[in-house]
Amino acid sequence: MSYLLPQRLKELRIEKGLSQRNLSKATGLSQPAIVHWENNKRVPNAEVVMVIANFFGVTAGYLLGLED
């Protein structure tokens, strides 16, 4: 099992037609943090994973690569 959050976060963001800045404004998460997560430089904490999952209407398990 691999860590898929960077890939899935970017795919979901692009599917929704959002820039990293737009996603930041919509979720209240910082744009630099989003850049780091998408580039696999940092790992978001559980609370942030839930914010992202809720925003995109997916499960935390999907974001983390635990389910398809």
N, C-alpha and C. Protein backbone atom coordinates (compact mmCIF):
# COMPACT_ATOMS: atom_id res chain seq x y z
N MET A 1 0.86 -1.19 0.00
CA MET A 1 0.00 0.00 0.00
C MET A 1 0.90 1.24 0.00
N SER A 2 0.60 2.18 -0.86
CA SER A 2 1.41 3.39 -0.91
C SER A 2 0.60 4.59 -0.42
N TYR A 3 1.33 5.63 -0.10
CA TYR A 3 0.72 6.87 0.38
C TYR A 3 0.29 7.68 -0.84
N LEU A 4 -1.01 7.80 -1.05
CA LEU A 4 -1.52 8.42 -2.28
C LEU A 4 -2.05 9.84 -2.10
N LEU A 5 -1.99 10.39 -0.89
CA LEU A 5 -2.60 11.70 -0.68
C LEU A 5 -2.09 12.76 -1.64
N PRO A 6 -0.79 12.89 -1.88
CA PRO A 6 -0.35 13.95 -2.81
C PRO A 6 -1.02 13.84 -4.18
N GLN A 7 -1.03 12.65 -4.74
CA GLN A 7 -1.62 12.43 -6.06
C GLN A 7 -3.12 12.67 -6.04
N ARG A 8 -3.80 12.11 -5.06
CA ARG A 8 -5.26 12.23 -5.02
C ARG A 8 -5.71 13.65 -4.72
N LEU A 9 -5.00 14.35 -3.87
CA LEU A 9 -5.34 15.74 -3.58
C LEU A 9 -5.25 16.57 -4.86
N LYS A 10 -4.15 16.42 -5.59
CA LYS A 10 -3.98 17.19 -6.83
C LYS A 10 -5.04 16.83 -7.86
N GLU A 11 -5.33 15.53 -8.01
CA GLU A 11 -6.35 15.10 -8.98
C GLU A 11 -7.72 15.68 -8.63
N LEU A 12 -8.10 15.62 -7.36
CA LEU A 12 -9.40 16.15 -6.94
C LEU A 12 -9.47 17.66 -7.16
N ARG A 13 -8.39 18.34 -6.85
CA ARG A 13 -8.36 19.80 -7.01
C ARG A 13 -8.52 20.18 -8.48
N ILE A 14 -7.79 19.48 -9.35
CA ILE A 14 -7.86 19.78 -10.78
C ILE A 14 -9.22 19.42 -11.35
N GLU A 15 -9.78 18.27 -10.92
CA GLU A 15 -11.12 17.88 -11.38
C GLU A 15 -12.16 18.95 -11.05
N LYS A 16 -11.97 19.62 -9.93
CA LYS A 16 -12.91 20.66 -9.51
C LYS A 16 -12.57 22.02 -10.13
N GLY A 17 -11.50 22.06 -10.89
CA GLY A 17 -11.10 23.30 -11.56
C GLY A 17 -10.56 24.35 -10.62
N LEU A 18 -9.91 23.91 -9.55
CA LEU A 18 -9.40 24.84 -8.55
C LEU A 18 -7.88 24.98 -8.62
N SER A 19 -7.41 26.18 -8.44
CA SER A 19 -5.97 26.38 -8.25
C SER A 19 -5.66 26.09 -6.78
N GLN A 20 -4.40 26.02 -6.47
CA GLN A 20 -4.03 25.82 -5.06
C GLN A 20 -4.51 27.01 -4.24
N ARG A 21 -4.45 28.19 -4.80
CA ARG A 21 -4.91 29.40 -4.10
C ARG A 21 -6.42 29.32 -3.85
N ASN A 22 -7.19 28.90 -4.86
CA ASN A 22 -8.64 28.78 -4.70
C ASN A 22 -9.00 27.76 -3.64
N LEU A 23 -8.29 26.63 -3.64
CA LEU A 23 -8.53 25.60 -2.64
C LEU A 23 -8.22 26.14 -1.25
N SER A 24 -7.16 26.89 -1.13
CA SER A 24 -6.79 27.50 0.13
C SER A 24 -7.90 28.40 0.65
N LYS A 25 -8.41 29.26 -0.22
CA LYS A 25 -9.48 30.18 0.17
C LYS A 25 -10.76 29.44 0.54
N ALA A 26 -11.07 28.37 -0.19
CA ALA A 26 -12.31 27.63 0.04
C ALA A 26 -12.29 26.81 1.33
N THR A 27 -11.09 26.37 1.73
CA THR A 27 -10.99 25.49 2.90
C THR A 27 -10.41 26.16 4.13
N GLY A 28 -9.77 27.31 3.95
CA GLY A 28 -9.11 27.96 5.07
C GLY A 28 -7.73 27.37 5.37
N LEU A 29 -7.26 26.48 4.51
CA LEU A 29 -5.93 25.89 4.67
C LEU A 29 -4.92 26.77 3.94
N SER A 30 -3.70 26.82 4.41
CA SER A 30 -2.73 27.71 3.78
C SER A 30 -2.27 27.18 2.42
N GLN A 31 -2.06 28.10 1.50
CA GLN A 31 -1.61 27.71 0.17
C GLN A 31 -0.23 27.05 0.21
N PRO A 32 0.73 27.58 0.97
CA PRO A 32 2.02 26.89 1.03
C PRO A 32 1.91 25.45 1.55
N ALA A 33 1.02 25.22 2.49
CA ALA A 33 0.83 23.86 3.00
C ALA A 33 0.30 22.95 1.90
N ILE A 34 -0.65 23.44 1.12
CA ILE A 34 -1.21 22.65 0.02
C ILE A 34 -0.10 22.28 -0.97
N VAL A 35 0.76 23.25 -1.28
CA VAL A 35 1.88 22.99 -2.18
C VAL A 35 2.76 21.87 -1.61
N HIS A 36 3.08 21.95 -0.32
CA HIS A 36 3.92 20.93 0.32
C HIS A 36 3.26 19.56 0.29
N TRP A 37 1.95 19.50 0.55
CA TRP A 37 1.26 18.21 0.54
C TRP A 37 1.24 17.61 -0.85
N GLU A 38 0.95 18.43 -1.85
CA GLU A 38 0.90 17.92 -3.22
C GLU A 38 2.27 17.48 -3.72
N ASN A 39 3.32 18.10 -3.21
CA ASN A 39 4.67 17.74 -3.63
C ASN A 39 5.31 16.71 -2.70
N ASN A 40 4.50 16.16 -1.79
CA ASN A 40 4.94 15.12 -0.86
C ASN A 40 6.12 15.57 0.00
N LYS A 41 6.13 16.85 0.37
CA LYS A 41 7.19 17.39 1.23
C LYS A 41 6.78 17.34 2.69
N ARG A 42 5.47 17.37 2.94
CA ARG A 42 4.93 17.30 4.29
C ARG A 42 3.68 16.46 4.27
N VAL A 43 3.28 15.99 5.45
CA VAL A 43 2.08 15.17 5.60
C VAL A 43 1.09 15.93 6.47
N PRO A 44 -0.15 16.10 6.00
CA PRO A 44 -1.14 16.81 6.81
C PRO A 44 -1.56 15.95 8.01
N ASN A 45 -1.97 16.63 9.09
CA ASN A 45 -2.45 15.88 10.24
C ASN A 45 -3.87 15.38 9.99
N ALA A 46 -4.37 14.56 10.88
CA ALA A 46 -5.68 13.91 10.70
C ALA A 46 -6.81 14.93 10.54
N GLU A 47 -6.76 16.01 11.31
CA GLU A 47 -7.81 17.03 11.22
C GLU A 47 -7.85 17.65 9.83
N VAL A 48 -6.70 17.93 9.27
CA VAL A 48 -6.61 18.51 7.93
C VAL A 48 -7.08 17.52 6.87
N VAL A 49 -6.72 16.25 7.03
CA VAL A 49 -7.18 15.23 6.09
C VAL A 49 -8.70 15.21 6.07
N MET A 50 -9.32 15.34 7.23
CA MET A 50 -10.79 15.34 7.29
C MET A 50 -11.38 16.59 6.62
N VAL A 51 -10.74 17.73 6.80
CA VAL A 51 -11.21 18.96 6.14
C VAL A 51 -11.17 18.78 4.62
N ILE A 52 -10.07 18.25 4.12
CA ILE A 52 -9.92 18.03 2.68
C ILE A 52 -10.95 17.02 2.18
N ALA A 53 -11.08 15.92 2.90
CA ALA A 53 -12.03 14.87 2.50
C ALA A 53 -13.45 15.41 2.47
N ASN A 54 -13.85 16.14 3.50
CA ASN A 54 -15.20 16.71 3.54
C ASN A 54 -15.42 17.70 2.41
N PHE A 55 -14.43 18.51 2.12
CA PHE A 55 -14.55 19.50 1.05
C PHE A 55 -14.81 18.82 -0.30
N PHE A 56 -14.07 17.75 -0.56
CA PHE A 56 -14.19 17.07 -1.86
C PHE A 56 -15.25 15.97 -1.87
N GLY A 57 -15.85 15.69 -0.71
CA GLY A 57 -16.89 14.66 -0.66
C GLY A 57 -16.36 13.25 -0.82
N VAL A 58 -15.16 13.02 -0.30
CA VAL A 58 -14.56 11.68 -0.33
C VAL A 58 -14.22 11.29 1.11
N THR A 59 -13.79 10.06 1.30
CA THR A 59 -13.40 9.62 2.63
C THR A 59 -11.92 9.89 2.87
N ALA A 60 -11.56 9.96 4.13
CA ALA A 60 -10.15 10.09 4.48
C ALA A 60 -9.38 8.88 3.97
N GLY A 61 -10.00 7.71 4.05
CA GLY A 61 -9.38 6.49 3.55
C GLY A 61 -9.04 6.58 2.07
N TYR A 62 -9.94 7.19 1.30
CA TYR A 62 -9.67 7.37 -0.14
C TYR A 62 -8.45 8.28 -0.33
N LEU A 63 -8.43 9.41 0.37
CA LEU A 63 -7.31 10.34 0.23
C LEU A 63 -5.98 9.69 0.58
N LEU A 64 -6.00 8.84 1.58
CA LEU A 64 -4.75 8.22 2.05
C LEU A 64 -4.38 6.96 1.27
N GLY A 65 -5.23 6.54 0.36
CA GLY A 65 -4.94 5.36 -0.44
C GLY A 65 -5.32 4.06 0.22
N LEU A 66 -6.16 4.13 1.25
CA LEU A 66 -6.59 2.93 1.95
C LEU A 66 -7.78 2.27 1.28
N GLU A 67 -8.46 3.03 0.41
CA GLU A 67 -9.61 2.51 -0.35
C GLU A 67 -9.69 3.23 -1.67
N ASP A 68 -10.41 2.60 -2.61
CA ASP A 68 -10.58 3.21 -3.95
C ASP A 68 -11.91 3.91 -4.09
